[in-house]
Amino acid sequence: MKVAVETLESKTRTMARREHSRKLLTAKQELLEEALAKLKAHLEQLDDVAYGAMLDKLFAPLGDASGKIFAPKARLEVTRKHAPKNCEVLEDESLSGGFRAQVDGAEIDNSFDNLLFSEHKSALVTYLADSLNLV
């Protein structure tokens, strides 16, 4: 009987530790997703000068490419100023920030959603987790 009680107590403690770890991990993941969402919102609210500087960096690899650039309605004018000269800039209601490009037979997705939540997510999560002392 004593062995059975000790075994039960040990299993209960183990299950409690696992459940605590699972809840902690879930909370950390939610915090990181919220931080990425706030970063996206911040980038979308940049003034035209800062937004344009960011576009310059994103457009740099395109060089003198020709094609179509799709941008959010609210940022059409600033995107036109910074896009490669041979590109037509069009409105895309599905975008909230950044751009998508169809240039020289290639498609490039530099939307904020793709950059933050897909392409650079692992590096950003690592940085944020370290900055927020989550590791």
C-alpha atoms as a PDB file:
ATOM      1  CA  MET A   1       0.000   0.000   0.000  1.00  0.00           C
ATOM      2  CA  LYS A   2       2.832   2.406   0.872  1.00  0.00           C
ATOM      3  CA  VAL A   3       4.561   1.770  -2.496  1.00  0.00           C
ATOM      4  CA  ALA A   4       1.291   2.339  -4.347  1.00  0.00           C
ATOM      5  CA  VAL A   5       0.755   5.682  -2.576  1.00  0.00           C
ATOM      6  CA  GLU A   6       4.337   6.806  -3.325  1.00  0.00           C
ATOM      7  CA  THR A   7       3.956   5.807  -6.979  1.00  0.00           C
ATOM      8  CA  LEU A   8       0.666   7.684  -7.246  1.00  0.00           C
ATOM      9  CA  GLU A   9       2.159  10.784  -5.619  1.00  0.00           C
ATOM     10  CA  SER A  10       5.174  10.632  -7.943  1.00  0.00           C
ATOM     11  CA  LYS A  11       2.970  10.338 -11.036  1.00  0.00           C
ATOM     12  CA  THR A  12       0.753  13.174  -9.811  1.00  0.00           C
ATOM     13  CA  ARG A  13       3.775  15.452  -9.320  1.00  0.00           C
ATOM     14  CA  THR A  14       5.103  14.523 -12.768  1.00  0.00           C
ATOM     15  CA  MET A  15       1.750  15.256 -14.402  1.00  0.00           C
ATOM     16  CA  ALA A  16       1.511  18.569 -12.556  1.00  0.00           C
ATOM     17  CA  ARG A  17       5.011  19.572 -13.740  1.00  0.00           C
ATOM     18  CA  ARG A  18       4.134  18.668 -17.337  1.00  0.00           C
ATOM     19  CA  GLU A  19       0.886  20.625 -17.201  1.00  0.00           C
ATOM     20  CA  HIS A  20       2.683  23.622 -15.695  1.00  0.00           C
ATOM     21  CA  SER A  21       5.358  23.457 -18.409  1.00  0.00           C
ATOM     22  CA  ARG A  22       2.711  23.205 -21.140  1.00  0.00           C
ATOM     23  CA  LYS A  23       0.814  26.226 -19.798  1.00  0.00           C
ATOM     24  CA  LEU A  24       4.021  28.230 -19.441  1.00  0.00           C
ATOM     25  CA  LEU A  25       5.057  27.416 -23.001  1.00  0.00           C
ATOM     26  CA  THR A  26       1.605  28.378 -24.297  1.00  0.00           C
ATOM     27  CA  ALA A  27       1.768  31.702 -22.444  1.00  0.00           C
ATOM     28  CA  LYS A  28       5.230  32.416 -23.856  1.00  0.00           C
ATOM     29  CA  GLN A  29       4.094  31.629 -27.393  1.00  0.00           C
ATOM     30  CA  GLU A  30       1.074  33.917 -27.009  1.00  0.00           C
ATOM     31  CA  LEU A  31       3.304  36.692 -25.690  1.00  0.00           C
ATOM     32  CA  LEU A  32       5.676  36.339 -28.647  1.00  0.00           C
ATOM     33  CA  GLU A  33       2.797  36.337 -31.166  1.00  0.00           C
ATOM     34  CA  GLU A  34       1.437  39.491 -29.510  1.00  0.00           C
ATOM     35  CA  ALA A  35       4.869  41.135 -29.705  1.00  0.00           C
ATOM     36  CA  LEU A  36       5.085  40.336 -33.437  1.00  0.00           C
ATOM     37  CA  ALA A  37       1.582  41.722 -33.995  1.00  0.00           C
ATOM     38  CA  LYS A  38       2.552  44.936 -32.180  1.00  0.00           C
ATOM     39  CA  LEU A  39       5.720  45.197 -34.268  1.00  0.00           C
ATOM     40  CA  LYS A  40       3.630  44.825 -37.427  1.00  0.00           C
ATOM     41  CA  ALA A  41       1.210  47.522 -36.218  1.00  0.00           C
ATOM     42  CA  HIS A  42       4.157  49.811 -35.430  1.00  0.00           C
ATOM     43  CA  LEU A  43       5.638  49.327 -38.899  1.00  0.00           C
ATOM     44  CA  GLU A  44       2.271  50.058 -40.506  1.00  0.00           C
ATOM     45  CA  GLN A  45       2.030  53.337 -38.570  1.00  0.00           C
ATOM     46  CA  LEU A  46       5.493  54.666 -39.495  1.00  0.00           C
ATOM     47  CA  ASP A  47       5.605  58.149 -40.963  1.00  0.00           C
ATOM     48  CA  ASP A  48       6.228  58.414 -44.710  1.00  0.00           C
ATOM     49  CA  VAL A  49       9.935  59.190 -44.316  1.00  0.00           C
ATOM     50  CA  ALA A  50      10.687  56.129 -42.160  1.00  0.00           C
ATOM     51  CA  TYR A  51       8.373  53.926 -44.244  1.00  0.00           C
ATOM     52  CA  GLY A  52      10.121  55.130 -47.408  1.00  0.00           C
ATOM     53  CA  ALA A  53      13.553  54.352 -45.937  1.00  0.00           C
ATOM     54  CA  MET A  54      12.355  50.843 -45.166  1.00  0.00           C
ATOM     55  CA  LEU A  55      10.977  50.472 -48.703  1.00  0.00           C
ATOM     56  CA  ASP A  56      14.336  51.569 -50.125  1.00  0.00           C
ATOM     57  CA  LYS A  57      15.995  48.659 -48.346  1.00  0.00           C
ATOM     58  CA  LEU A  58      13.319  46.213 -49.461  1.00  0.00           C
ATOM     59  CA  PHE A  59      13.459  47.452 -53.080  1.00  0.00           C
ATOM     60  CA  ALA A  60      17.291  47.475 -53.242  1.00  0.00           C
ATOM     61  CA  PRO A  61      17.631  43.840 -54.419  1.00  0.00           C
ATOM     62  CA  LEU A  62      15.211  44.532 -57.283  1.00  0.00           C
ATOM     63  CA  GLY A  63      17.543  47.099 -58.857  1.00  0.00           C
ATOM     64  CA  ASP A  64      16.133  48.250 -62.214  1.00  0.00           C
ATOM     65  CA  ALA A  65      13.624  45.426 -62.508  1.00  0.00           C
ATOM     66  CA  SER A  66      10.410  45.954 -64.405  1.00  0.00           C
ATOM     67  CA  GLY A  67       6.970  44.653 -63.546  1.00  0.00           C
ATOM     68  CA  LYS A  68       4.190  45.286 -61.070  1.00  0.00           C
ATOM     69  CA  ILE A  69       4.337  46.281 -57.433  1.00  0.00           C
ATOM     70  CA  PHE A  70       1.248  45.736 -55.285  1.00  0.00           C
ATOM     71  CA  ALA A  71       0.939  47.973 -52.228  1.00  0.00           C
ATOM     72  CA  PRO A  72      -1.646  48.900 -49.591  1.00  0.00           C
ATOM     73  CA  LYS A  73      -4.017  51.709 -50.570  1.00  0.00           C
ATOM     74  CA  ALA A  74      -2.818  53.921 -47.722  1.00  0.00           C
ATOM     75  CA  ARG A  75       0.804  53.679 -48.884  1.00  0.00           C
ATOM     76  CA  LEU A  76       0.443  53.900 -52.685  1.00  0.00           C
ATOM     77  CA  GLU A  77       2.084  57.303 -53.051  1.00  0.00           C
ATOM     78  CA  VAL A  78       5.098  56.613 -50.863  1.00  0.00           C
ATOM     79  CA  THR A  79       5.527  53.228 -52.556  1.00  0.00           C
ATOM     80  CA  ARG A  80       5.446  54.892 -55.994  1.00  0.00           C
ATOM     81  CA  LYS A  81       8.214  57.278 -54.906  1.00  0.00           C
ATOM     82  CA  HIS A  82      10.509  54.447 -53.796  1.00  0.00           C
ATOM     83  CA  ALA A  83       9.672  51.658 -56.252  1.00  0.00           C
ATOM     84  CA  PRO A  84      11.973  50.870 -59.167  1.00  0.00           C
ATOM     85  CA  LYS A  85      11.279  53.298 -62.024  1.00  0.00           C
ATOM     86  CA  ASN A  86      10.224  50.585 -64.482  1.00  0.00           C
ATOM     87  CA  CYS A  87       7.550  49.181 -62.156  1.00  0.00           C
ATOM     88  CA  GLU A  88       3.873  49.973 -62.103  1.00  0.00           C
ATOM     89  CA  VAL A  89       2.515  50.393 -58.555  1.00  0.00           C
ATOM     90  CA  LEU A  90      -1.009  49.046 -58.021  1.00  0.00           C
ATOM     91  CA  GLU A  91      -3.357  48.894 -55.044  1.00  0.00           C
ATOM     92  CA  ASP A  92      -3.862  45.579 -53.241  1.00  0.00           C
ATOM     93  CA  GLU A  93      -6.572  45.607 -50.578  1.00  0.00           C
ATOM     94  CA  SER A  94      -5.234  42.416 -48.987  1.00  0.00           C
ATOM     95  CA  LEU A  95      -2.019  44.161 -47.915  1.00  0.00           C
ATOM     96  CA  SER A  96      -1.692  46.225 -44.774  1.00  0.00           C
ATOM     97  CA  GLY A  97       2.013  47.018 -45.127  1.00  0.00           C
ATOM     98  CA  GLY A  98       4.996  46.284 -47.313  1.00  0.00           C
ATOM     99  CA  PHE A  99       4.479  45.123 -50.898  1.00  0.00           C
ATOM    100  CA  ARG A 100       4.285  42.208 -53.276  1.00  0.00           C
ATOM    101  CA  ALA A 101       6.134  42.352 -56.561  1.00  0.00           C
ATOM    102  CA  GLN A 102       5.868  40.570 -59.876  1.00  0.00           C
ATOM    103  CA  VAL A 103       9.108  41.477 -61.595  1.00  0.00           C
ATOM    104  CA  ASP A 104      11.062  39.853 -64.391  1.00  0.00           C
ATOM    105  CA  GLY A 105       9.118  36.600 -64.072  1.00  0.00           C
ATOM    106  CA  ALA A 106       9.544  36.310 -60.309  1.00  0.00           C
ATOM    107  CA  GLU A 107       7.124  36.917 -57.471  1.00  0.00           C
ATOM    108  CA  ILE A 108       8.435  38.516 -54.299  1.00  0.00           C
ATOM    109  CA  ASP A 109       6.367  38.803 -51.141  1.00  0.00           C
ATOM    110  CA  ASN A 110       7.715  41.593 -48.969  1.00  0.00           C
ATOM    111  CA  SER A 111       4.430  42.125 -47.153  1.00  0.00           C
ATOM    112  CA  PHE A 112       4.749  42.691 -43.427  1.00  0.00           C
ATOM    113  CA  ASP A 113       2.698  39.555 -42.791  1.00  0.00           C
ATOM    114  CA  ASN A 114       5.164  37.428 -44.751  1.00  0.00           C
ATOM    115  CA  LEU A 115       8.303  39.119 -43.455  1.00  0.00           C
ATOM    116  CA  LEU A 116       7.311  39.029 -39.776  1.00  0.00           C
ATOM    117  CA  PHE A 117       5.219  35.875 -39.489  1.00  0.00           C
ATOM    118  CA  SER A 118       6.997  33.639 -41.976  1.00  0.00           C
ATOM    119  CA  GLU A 119      10.342  34.580 -43.477  1.00  0.00           C
ATOM    120  CA  HIS A 120      12.030  36.156 -40.434  1.00  0.00           C
ATOM    121  CA  LYS A 121       9.847  34.743 -37.673  1.00  0.00           C
ATOM    122  CA  SER A 122      12.417  32.377 -36.164  1.00  0.00           C
ATOM    123  CA  ALA A 123      15.073  35.096 -35.878  1.00  0.00           C
ATOM    124  CA  LEU A 124      12.575  37.597 -34.465  1.00  0.00           C
ATOM    125  CA  VAL A 125      11.178  35.093 -31.967  1.00  0.00           C
ATOM    126  CA  THR A 126      14.684  34.234 -30.796  1.00  0.00           C
ATOM    127  CA  TYR A 127      15.527  37.922 -30.373  1.00  0.00           C
ATOM    128  CA  LEU A 128      12.241  38.745 -28.624  1.00  0.00           C
ATOM    129  CA  ALA A 129      12.411  35.705 -26.344  1.00  0.00           C
ATOM    130  CA  ASP A 130      15.903  36.724 -25.273  1.00  0.00           C
ATOM    131  CA  SER A 131      14.925  40.394 -24.875  1.00  0.00           C
ATOM    132  CA  LEU A 132      11.852  39.521 -22.827  1.00  0.00           C
ATOM    133  CA  ASN A 133      13.794  36.986 -20.704  1.00  0.00           C
ATOM    134  CA  LEU A 134      11.563  34.125 -21.805  1.00  0.00           C
ATOM    135  CA  VAL A 135      14.431  31.672 -22.182  1.00  0.00           C
END
